[in-house]
Amino acid sequence: MSDIFDEAFSTSIRVYYDFPAEKATLEYLIILKVFELSRGWSGAMRPLEMLSEVFVEKERMASVQDI
């Protein structure tokens, strides 16, 4: 159980975002969910070192002005 989040973050989950503020909000929500799950399982809290692996910036489409 101790490495379940690191394993999921590094191999299973991808979160796509457009803007840095959106990434920060999504990261905060994921951390809150991890806290909730850890408390429900009575698990010890650990650093979420692999959390940054989850995020992938979306490639933006060209704007109408660029075309």
C-alpha atoms as a PDB file:
ATOM      1  CA  MET A   1       0.000   0.000   0.000  1.00  0.00           C
ATOM      2  CA  SER A   2       2.848   2.404   0.696  1.00  0.00           C
ATOM      3  CA  ASP A   3       3.757   2.854  -2.970  1.00  0.00           C
ATOM      4  CA  ILE A   4       0.297   2.731  -4.523  1.00  0.00           C
ATOM      5  CA  PHE A   5       0.185   6.464  -5.287  1.00  0.00           C
ATOM      6  CA  ASP A   6       3.724   6.598  -6.690  1.00  0.00           C
ATOM      7  CA  GLU A   7       2.955   3.642  -8.937  1.00  0.00           C
ATOM      8  CA  ALA A   8      -0.316   5.146 -10.151  1.00  0.00           C
ATOM      9  CA  PHE A   9       1.212   8.576 -10.714  1.00  0.00           C
ATOM     10  CA  SER A  10       4.181   7.266 -12.662  1.00  0.00           C
ATOM     11  CA  THR A  11       2.403   4.739 -14.890  1.00  0.00           C
ATOM     12  CA  SER A  12      -1.390   4.948 -14.906  1.00  0.00           C
ATOM     13  CA  ILE A  13      -2.743   8.456 -14.646  1.00  0.00           C
ATOM     14  CA  ARG A  14      -2.324  11.389 -17.056  1.00  0.00           C
ATOM     15  CA  VAL A  15      -3.911  14.788 -16.514  1.00  0.00           C
ATOM     16  CA  TYR A  16      -3.896  17.195 -19.454  1.00  0.00           C
ATOM     17  CA  TYR A  17      -3.993  20.931 -18.779  1.00  0.00           C
ATOM     18  CA  ASP A  18      -3.916  24.167 -20.804  1.00  0.00           C
ATOM     19  CA  PHE A  19      -2.665  26.819 -18.393  1.00  0.00           C
ATOM     20  CA  PRO A  20      -0.383  26.881 -15.311  1.00  0.00           C
ATOM     21  CA  ALA A  21      -3.254  28.030 -13.069  1.00  0.00           C
ATOM     22  CA  GLU A  22      -5.316  25.080 -14.244  1.00  0.00           C
ATOM     23  CA  LYS A  23      -2.426  22.708 -13.439  1.00  0.00           C
ATOM     24  CA  ALA A  24      -2.070  24.174  -9.940  1.00  0.00           C
ATOM     25  CA  THR A  25      -5.791  23.727  -9.270  1.00  0.00           C
ATOM     26  CA  LEU A  26      -5.796  20.152 -10.546  1.00  0.00           C
ATOM     27  CA  GLU A  27      -2.705  19.328  -8.481  1.00  0.00           C
ATOM     28  CA  TYR A  28      -4.388  20.717  -5.361  1.00  0.00           C
ATOM     29  CA  LEU A  29      -7.529  18.633  -5.998  1.00  0.00           C
ATOM     30  CA  ILE A  30      -5.470  15.458  -6.473  1.00  0.00           C
ATOM     31  CA  ILE A  31      -3.595  16.103  -3.217  1.00  0.00           C
ATOM     32  CA  LEU A  32      -6.881  16.584  -1.370  1.00  0.00           C
ATOM     33  CA  LYS A  33      -8.184  13.285  -2.772  1.00  0.00           C
ATOM     34  CA  VAL A  34      -4.990  11.487  -1.714  1.00  0.00           C
ATOM     35  CA  PHE A  35      -5.404  12.901   1.810  1.00  0.00           C
ATOM     36  CA  GLU A  36      -9.007  11.688   1.885  1.00  0.00           C
ATOM     37  CA  LEU A  37      -8.067   8.183   0.702  1.00  0.00           C
ATOM     38  CA  SER A  38      -5.132   7.940   3.106  1.00  0.00           C
ATOM     39  CA  ARG A  39      -7.301   8.960   6.026  1.00  0.00           C
ATOM     40  CA  GLY A  40      -9.960   6.401   5.034  1.00  0.00           C
ATOM     41  CA  TRP A  41      -7.356   3.643   4.839  1.00  0.00           C
ATOM     42  CA  SER A  42      -5.645   4.852   8.015  1.00  0.00           C
ATOM     43  CA  GLY A  43      -2.445   5.025   6.013  1.00  0.00           C
ATOM     44  CA  ALA A  44       0.580   7.093   6.871  1.00  0.00           C
ATOM     45  CA  MET A  45       1.163  10.176   4.763  1.00  0.00           C
ATOM     46  CA  ARG A  46       4.201  10.140   2.493  1.00  0.00           C
ATOM     47  CA  PRO A  47       5.686  12.629   0.040  1.00  0.00           C
ATOM     48  CA  LEU A  48       3.990  12.490  -3.349  1.00  0.00           C
ATOM     49  CA  GLU A  49       7.221  12.506  -5.328  1.00  0.00           C
ATOM     50  CA  MET A  50       5.736  11.146  -8.556  1.00  0.00           C
ATOM     51  CA  LEU A  51       2.808  13.573  -8.697  1.00  0.00           C
ATOM     52  CA  SER A  52       4.555  15.781 -11.265  1.00  0.00           C
ATOM     53  CA  GLU A  53       4.647  12.798 -13.669  1.00  0.00           C
ATOM     54  CA  VAL A  54       0.857  12.962 -13.970  1.00  0.00           C
ATOM     55  CA  PHE A  55       0.664  16.331 -15.715  1.00  0.00           C
ATOM     56  CA  VAL A  56       0.967  16.809 -19.465  1.00  0.00           C
ATOM     57  CA  GLU A  57       0.527  20.213 -21.075  1.00  0.00           C
ATOM     58  CA  LYS A  58      -1.907  20.190 -23.987  1.00  0.00           C
ATOM     59  CA  GLU A  59      -0.678  21.377 -27.340  1.00  0.00           C
ATOM     60  CA  ARG A  60      -2.667  24.423 -28.269  1.00  0.00           C
ATOM     61  CA  MET A  61      -4.285  24.722 -31.628  1.00  0.00           C
ATOM     62  CA  ALA A  62      -3.296  27.717 -33.741  1.00  0.00           C
ATOM     63  CA  SER A  63      -5.535  30.694 -33.291  1.00  0.00           C
ATOM     64  CA  VAL A  64      -7.540  32.086 -36.208  1.00  0.00           C
ATOM     65  CA  GLN A  65      -5.092  34.996 -36.444  1.00  0.00           C
ATOM     66  CA  ASP A  66      -2.156  32.588 -36.906  1.00  0.00           C
ATOM     67  CA  ILE A  67      -3.763  30.822 -39.860  1.00  0.00           C
END
